[in-house]
Amino acid sequence: MKGTIKRIMYDRNFGFIQTSDDEDKDIFFHQSGVTGDFGDLKEGDEVEFDIEETDRGSQAVNLKAA
């Protein structure tokens, strides 16, 4: 999937992605799901990722800059 980083909290090691498919639903991502350097990502960056279902809902994994 593709999306845009909507919000990122470096101090808490996670953020949210807005997908082009569903403007009302944000996808959570954690630093552990990022391919590359988490610190290089910033709000507004376009990214590619896979979705993994967890007990807490959908989560982005294999996240990388597009």
C-alpha atoms as a PDB file:
ATOM      1  CA  MET A   1       0.000   0.000   0.000  1.00  0.00           C
ATOM      2  CA  LYS A   2       0.933   3.628  -0.278  1.00  0.00           C
ATOM      3  CA  GLY A   3       0.237   6.518   2.034  1.00  0.00           C
ATOM      4  CA  THR A   4       1.559   9.698   3.623  1.00  0.00           C
ATOM      5  CA  ILE A   5       2.959  10.087   7.115  1.00  0.00           C
ATOM      6  CA  LYS A   6       0.346  12.133   8.931  1.00  0.00           C
ATOM      7  CA  ARG A   7       1.963  12.305  12.354  1.00  0.00           C
ATOM      8  CA  ILE A   8       5.184  10.982  13.840  1.00  0.00           C
ATOM      9  CA  MET A   9       6.283  10.972  17.473  1.00  0.00           C
ATOM     10  CA  TYR A  10      10.031  10.379  17.577  1.00  0.00           C
ATOM     11  CA  ASP A  11      10.164  10.345  21.382  1.00  0.00           C
ATOM     12  CA  ARG A  12       7.616   7.500  21.509  1.00  0.00           C
ATOM     13  CA  ASN A  13       8.903   5.603  18.425  1.00  0.00           C
ATOM     14  CA  PHE A  14       5.624   5.507  16.487  1.00  0.00           C
ATOM     15  CA  GLY A  15       3.418   7.410  14.107  1.00  0.00           C
ATOM     16  CA  PHE A  16       0.381   7.299  11.841  1.00  0.00           C
ATOM     17  CA  ILE A  17      -0.049   7.030   8.077  1.00  0.00           C
ATOM     18  CA  GLN A  18      -2.958   8.418   6.093  1.00  0.00           C
ATOM     19  CA  THR A  19      -3.821   6.138   3.190  1.00  0.00           C
ATOM     20  CA  SER A  20      -5.203   7.327  -0.103  1.00  0.00           C
ATOM     21  CA  ASP A  21      -7.854   4.572   0.072  1.00  0.00           C
ATOM     22  CA  ASP A  22      -9.588   5.671   3.264  1.00  0.00           C
ATOM     23  CA  GLU A  23      -9.161   9.284   4.341  1.00  0.00           C
ATOM     24  CA  ASP A  24     -10.890   8.644   7.697  1.00  0.00           C
ATOM     25  CA  LYS A  25      -8.709   5.746   8.841  1.00  0.00           C
ATOM     26  CA  ASP A  26      -5.099   6.213   9.933  1.00  0.00           C
ATOM     27  CA  ILE A  27      -2.697   3.270  10.063  1.00  0.00           C
ATOM     28  CA  PHE A  28      -0.413   2.945  13.085  1.00  0.00           C
ATOM     29  CA  PHE A  29       3.288   2.197  12.618  1.00  0.00           C
ATOM     30  CA  HIS A  30       6.065   1.477  15.101  1.00  0.00           C
ATOM     31  CA  GLN A  31       9.792   2.009  14.694  1.00  0.00           C
ATOM     32  CA  SER A  32      10.267  -1.775  14.601  1.00  0.00           C
ATOM     33  CA  GLY A  33       8.188  -1.933  11.380  1.00  0.00           C
ATOM     34  CA  VAL A  34      10.368   0.581   9.518  1.00  0.00           C
ATOM     35  CA  THR A  35      12.838  -0.607   6.889  1.00  0.00           C
ATOM     36  CA  GLY A  36      15.757   1.806   7.133  1.00  0.00           C
ATOM     37  CA  ASP A  37      16.259   4.642   9.609  1.00  0.00           C
ATOM     38  CA  PHE A  38      13.181   5.723  11.590  1.00  0.00           C
ATOM     39  CA  GLY A  39      14.799   9.130  12.162  1.00  0.00           C
ATOM     40  CA  ASP A  40      14.879   9.851   8.420  1.00  0.00           C
ATOM     41  CA  LEU A  41      11.073   9.806   8.167  1.00  0.00           C
ATOM     42  CA  LYS A  42       9.093  13.013   8.570  1.00  0.00           C
ATOM     43  CA  GLU A  43       5.497  14.180   8.391  1.00  0.00           C
ATOM     44  CA  GLY A  44       4.309  14.552   4.802  1.00  0.00           C
ATOM     45  CA  ASP A  45       6.647  11.859   3.418  1.00  0.00           C
ATOM     46  CA  GLU A  46       5.100   9.384   0.998  1.00  0.00           C
ATOM     47  CA  VAL A  47       5.682   5.786   2.070  1.00  0.00           C
ATOM     48  CA  GLU A  48       5.022   2.218   0.981  1.00  0.00           C
ATOM     49  CA  PHE A  49       4.093  -0.496   3.468  1.00  0.00           C
ATOM     50  CA  ASP A  50       2.302  -3.773   4.144  1.00  0.00           C
ATOM     51  CA  ILE A  51      -0.570  -4.197   6.592  1.00  0.00           C
ATOM     52  CA  GLU A  52      -0.421  -6.666   9.459  1.00  0.00           C
ATOM     53  CA  GLU A  53      -3.433  -7.400  11.647  1.00  0.00           C
ATOM     54  CA  THR A  54      -2.647  -7.456  15.370  1.00  0.00           C
ATOM     55  CA  ASP A  55      -4.791  -7.832  18.471  1.00  0.00           C
ATOM     56  CA  ARG A  56      -4.872  -4.017  18.610  1.00  0.00           C
ATOM     57  CA  GLY A  57      -5.895  -3.528  14.976  1.00  0.00           C
ATOM     58  CA  SER A  58      -4.084  -2.828  11.719  1.00  0.00           C
ATOM     59  CA  GLN A  59      -0.391  -1.926  11.785  1.00  0.00           C
ATOM     60  CA  ALA A  60       1.991  -0.926   9.010  1.00  0.00           C
ATOM     61  CA  VAL A  61       5.074  -3.118   8.579  1.00  0.00           C
ATOM     62  CA  ASN A  62       7.913  -3.164   6.022  1.00  0.00           C
ATOM     63  CA  LEU A  63       7.530   0.625   5.913  1.00  0.00           C
ATOM     64  CA  LYS A  64       9.874   2.496   3.563  1.00  0.00           C
ATOM     65  CA  ALA A  65      10.009   5.836   1.776  1.00  0.00           C
ATOM     66  CA  ALA A  66       8.312   5.739  -1.623  1.00  0.00           C
END
